[in-house]
Amino acid sequence: MSLLHHAGFEVSDLARSARFYDAVLFPIGARRLVESPHAVAWGVTEPELWITSRAHPAPAYGHLALATRGRIAVEEAHAAGLAHGGRDLGAPGLRPPYGEGYYAAYLADPDGLRVELVAPTR
């Protein structure tokens, strides 16, 4: 059982942020499962990550860590995020302070939300 049921974040431009998350989530195996004029959600079998439209979301609110299938997926998702309006907050690489073999990359989405992409350590 996963600890996370779902996460949701407010964004100022739903279409722009949806393009960013489409690009970042594709390499790690998630697809758009829900779409409405005010919300979009992604997941593998159930919607787990939601974004909702709000004129003035809190700046840089939150931190979202996304599990990937491996290091290549971290690198592909990071590159896709940069190509779709994200800002680099840390290139793919080992993060020894978080444990042996901890491999991750960091982005800011178009609204400044911090997104971490994490490869399994086993």
C-alpha atoms as a PDB file:
ATOM      1  CA  MET A   1       0.000   0.000   0.000  1.00  0.00           C
ATOM      2  CA  SER A   2       1.249   3.466  -0.878  1.00  0.00           C
ATOM      3  CA  LEU A   3       1.338   6.194   1.741  1.00  0.00           C
ATOM      4  CA  LEU A   4       0.234   8.797  -0.808  1.00  0.00           C
ATOM      5  CA  HIS A   5      -3.377   8.615  -1.966  1.00  0.00           C
ATOM      6  CA  HIS A   6      -3.199  11.738  -4.115  1.00  0.00           C
ATOM      7  CA  ALA A   7      -1.680  15.210  -4.202  1.00  0.00           C
ATOM      8  CA  GLY A   8      -3.192  18.378  -5.567  1.00  0.00           C
ATOM      9  CA  PHE A   9      -1.747  21.760  -6.409  1.00  0.00           C
ATOM     10  CA  GLU A  10      -3.165  25.064  -7.555  1.00  0.00           C
ATOM     11  CA  VAL A  11      -1.794  26.571 -10.766  1.00  0.00           C
ATOM     12  CA  SER A  12      -2.320  29.929 -12.468  1.00  0.00           C
ATOM     13  CA  ASP A  13      -2.479  28.614 -16.058  1.00  0.00           C
ATOM     14  CA  LEU A  14      -4.023  25.145 -16.278  1.00  0.00           C
ATOM     15  CA  ALA A  15      -3.115  24.495 -19.937  1.00  0.00           C
ATOM     16  CA  ARG A  16       0.527  25.561 -19.491  1.00  0.00           C
ATOM     17  CA  SER A  17       0.977  23.494 -16.334  1.00  0.00           C
ATOM     18  CA  ALA A  18      -0.803  20.493 -17.894  1.00  0.00           C
ATOM     19  CA  ARG A  19       1.695  20.542 -20.789  1.00  0.00           C
ATOM     20  CA  PHE A  20       4.576  20.672 -18.276  1.00  0.00           C
ATOM     21  CA  TYR A  21       3.255  17.713 -16.255  1.00  0.00           C
ATOM     22  CA  ASP A  22       2.378  15.718 -19.407  1.00  0.00           C
ATOM     23  CA  ALA A  23       6.038  16.023 -20.431  1.00  0.00           C
ATOM     24  CA  VAL A  24       7.494  15.269 -16.987  1.00  0.00           C
ATOM     25  CA  LEU A  25       5.161  12.372 -16.142  1.00  0.00           C
ATOM     26  CA  PHE A  26       5.328  10.536 -19.486  1.00  0.00           C
ATOM     27  CA  PRO A  27       8.895   9.215 -18.956  1.00  0.00           C
ATOM     28  CA  ILE A  28       7.952   7.867 -15.524  1.00  0.00           C
ATOM     29  CA  GLY A  29       4.859   6.027 -16.735  1.00  0.00           C
ATOM     30  CA  ALA A  30       1.929   8.229 -15.702  1.00  0.00           C
ATOM     31  CA  ARG A  31      -0.774   9.412 -18.084  1.00  0.00           C
ATOM     32  CA  ARG A  32      -3.496  12.040 -18.005  1.00  0.00           C
ATOM     33  CA  LEU A  33      -6.567  10.276 -16.585  1.00  0.00           C
ATOM     34  CA  VAL A  34      -8.907  13.186 -15.788  1.00  0.00           C
ATOM     35  CA  GLU A  35      -9.429  16.456 -17.622  1.00  0.00           C
ATOM     36  CA  SER A  36     -11.999  19.174 -17.045  1.00  0.00           C
ATOM     37  CA  PRO A  37     -12.063  22.937 -17.585  1.00  0.00           C
ATOM     38  CA  HIS A  38     -10.816  23.442 -14.004  1.00  0.00           C
ATOM     39  CA  ALA A  39      -8.652  20.393 -13.220  1.00  0.00           C
ATOM     40  CA  VAL A  40      -6.327  17.789 -14.722  1.00  0.00           C
ATOM     41  CA  ALA A  41      -5.133  14.589 -13.016  1.00  0.00           C
ATOM     42  CA  TRP A  42      -2.495  11.953 -13.809  1.00  0.00           C
ATOM     43  CA  GLY A  43      -1.721   8.480 -12.611  1.00  0.00           C
ATOM     44  CA  VAL A  44      -0.997   4.929 -13.690  1.00  0.00           C
ATOM     45  CA  THR A  45      -4.312   3.273 -12.799  1.00  0.00           C
ATOM     46  CA  GLU A  46      -5.966   5.947 -10.613  1.00  0.00           C
ATOM     47  CA  PRO A  47      -5.619   9.745 -10.593  1.00  0.00           C
ATOM     48  CA  GLU A  48      -2.906  10.550  -8.047  1.00  0.00           C
ATOM     49  CA  LEU A  49      -1.589  13.984  -9.028  1.00  0.00           C
ATOM     50  CA  TRP A  50      -4.104  16.786  -9.531  1.00  0.00           C
ATOM     51  CA  ILE A  51      -3.682  20.387 -10.623  1.00  0.00           C
ATOM     52  CA  THR A  52      -6.532  22.859 -10.344  1.00  0.00           C
ATOM     53  CA  SER A  53      -6.909  26.298 -11.826  1.00  0.00           C
ATOM     54  CA  ARG A  54      -6.696  29.239  -9.440  1.00  0.00           C
ATOM     55  CA  ALA A  55      -5.973  32.852 -10.379  1.00  0.00           C
ATOM     56  CA  HIS A  56      -3.501  33.403  -7.523  1.00  0.00           C
ATOM     57  CA  PRO A  57      -1.920  30.187  -6.215  1.00  0.00           C
ATOM     58  CA  ALA A  58       0.406  30.511  -3.260  1.00  0.00           C
ATOM     59  CA  PRO A  59       3.930  31.121  -4.635  1.00  0.00           C
ATOM     60  CA  ALA A  60       6.266  28.111  -4.611  1.00  0.00           C
ATOM     61  CA  TYR A  61       3.852  26.201  -2.385  1.00  0.00           C
ATOM     62  CA  GLY A  62       4.764  22.613  -1.709  1.00  0.00           C
ATOM     63  CA  HIS A  63       7.177  19.943  -2.799  1.00  0.00           C
ATOM     64  CA  LEU A  64       6.234  16.967  -4.892  1.00  0.00           C
ATOM     65  CA  ALA A  65       8.523  13.906  -5.050  1.00  0.00           C
ATOM     66  CA  LEU A  66       7.764  11.569  -7.945  1.00  0.00           C
ATOM     67  CA  ALA A  67       9.020   7.981  -7.997  1.00  0.00           C
ATOM     68  CA  THR A  68      10.506   6.821 -11.297  1.00  0.00           C
ATOM     69  CA  ARG A  69      11.552   3.469 -12.757  1.00  0.00           C
ATOM     70  CA  GLY A  70      15.239   4.388 -12.746  1.00  0.00           C
ATOM     71  CA  ARG A  71      17.978   6.888 -13.463  1.00  0.00           C
ATOM     72  CA  ILE A  72      17.231   7.177 -17.179  1.00  0.00           C
ATOM     73  CA  ALA A  73      13.626   8.094 -16.369  1.00  0.00           C
ATOM     74  CA  VAL A  74      14.875  10.770 -13.925  1.00  0.00           C
ATOM     75  CA  GLU A  75      17.068  12.233 -16.670  1.00  0.00           C
ATOM     76  CA  GLU A  76      14.323  12.093 -19.329  1.00  0.00           C
ATOM     77  CA  ALA A  77      11.684  13.618 -17.047  1.00  0.00           C
ATOM     78  CA  HIS A  78      14.064  16.399 -15.957  1.00  0.00           C
ATOM     79  CA  ALA A  79      14.909  17.246 -19.589  1.00  0.00           C
ATOM     80  CA  ALA A  80      11.233  17.159 -20.577  1.00  0.00           C
ATOM     81  CA  GLY A  81      10.345  19.492 -17.733  1.00  0.00           C
ATOM     82  CA  LEU A  82      13.016  21.991 -18.779  1.00  0.00           C
ATOM     83  CA  ALA A  83      11.763  21.842 -22.371  1.00  0.00           C
ATOM     84  CA  HIS A  84       8.211  22.577 -21.219  1.00  0.00           C
ATOM     85  CA  GLY A  85       8.597  25.649 -19.048  1.00  0.00           C
ATOM     86  CA  GLY A  86      10.279  24.242 -15.952  1.00  0.00           C
ATOM     87  CA  ARG A  87      13.313  25.716 -14.226  1.00  0.00           C
ATOM     88  CA  ASP A  88      16.307  23.641 -13.138  1.00  0.00           C
ATOM     89  CA  LEU A  89      16.707  23.365  -9.365  1.00  0.00           C
ATOM     90  CA  GLY A  90      19.249  20.519  -9.472  1.00  0.00           C
ATOM     91  CA  ALA A  91      20.467  18.382 -12.363  1.00  0.00           C
ATOM     92  CA  PRO A  92      20.135  14.583 -12.205  1.00  0.00           C
ATOM     93  CA  GLY A  93      22.726  13.039  -9.937  1.00  0.00           C
ATOM     94  CA  LEU A  94      23.522  11.244  -6.716  1.00  0.00           C
ATOM     95  CA  ARG A  95      22.422  12.944  -3.499  1.00  0.00           C
ATOM     96  CA  PRO A  96      24.629  11.396  -0.766  1.00  0.00           C
ATOM     97  CA  PRO A  97      23.012  13.399   2.072  1.00  0.00           C
ATOM     98  CA  TYR A  98      19.762  11.475   1.412  1.00  0.00           C
ATOM     99  CA  GLY A  99      21.341   8.028   1.495  1.00  0.00           C
ATOM    100  CA  GLU A 100      23.584   5.715  -0.461  1.00  0.00           C
ATOM    101  CA  GLY A 101      22.492   5.464  -4.082  1.00  0.00           C
ATOM    102  CA  TYR A 102      19.842   8.225  -3.791  1.00  0.00           C
ATOM    103  CA  TYR A 103      19.588   9.573  -7.357  1.00  0.00           C
ATOM    104  CA  ALA A 104      17.336  12.537  -8.048  1.00  0.00           C
ATOM    105  CA  ALA A 105      16.755  15.712 -10.028  1.00  0.00           C
ATOM    106  CA  TYR A 106      14.862  18.868  -9.115  1.00  0.00           C
ATOM    107  CA  LEU A 107      12.679  21.259 -11.094  1.00  0.00           C
ATOM    108  CA  ALA A 108      10.395  24.193 -10.495  1.00  0.00           C
ATOM    109  CA  ASP A 109       7.157  23.912 -12.448  1.00  0.00           C
ATOM    110  CA  PRO A 110       5.756  26.971 -14.286  1.00  0.00           C
ATOM    111  CA  ASP A 111       4.245  28.278 -11.021  1.00  0.00           C
ATOM    112  CA  GLY A 112       7.380  27.623  -8.940  1.00  0.00           C
ATOM    113  CA  LEU A 113       6.252  24.370  -7.296  1.00  0.00           C
ATOM    114  CA  ARG A 114       9.278  22.238  -6.431  1.00  0.00           C
ATOM    115  CA  VAL A 115       9.242  18.855  -8.195  1.00  0.00           C
ATOM    116  CA  GLU A 116      11.710  16.097  -7.257  1.00  0.00           C
ATOM    117  CA  LEU A 117      12.256  13.088  -9.525  1.00  0.00           C
ATOM    118  CA  VAL A 118      13.630  10.083  -7.623  1.00  0.00           C
ATOM    119  CA  ALA A 119      15.096   6.791  -8.903  1.00  0.00           C
ATOM    120  CA  PRO A 120      14.751   3.641  -6.794  1.00  0.00           C
ATOM    121  CA  THR A 121      17.847   2.913  -4.697  1.00  0.00           C
ATOM    122  CA  ARG A 122      17.653  -0.867  -4.825  1.00  0.00           C
END
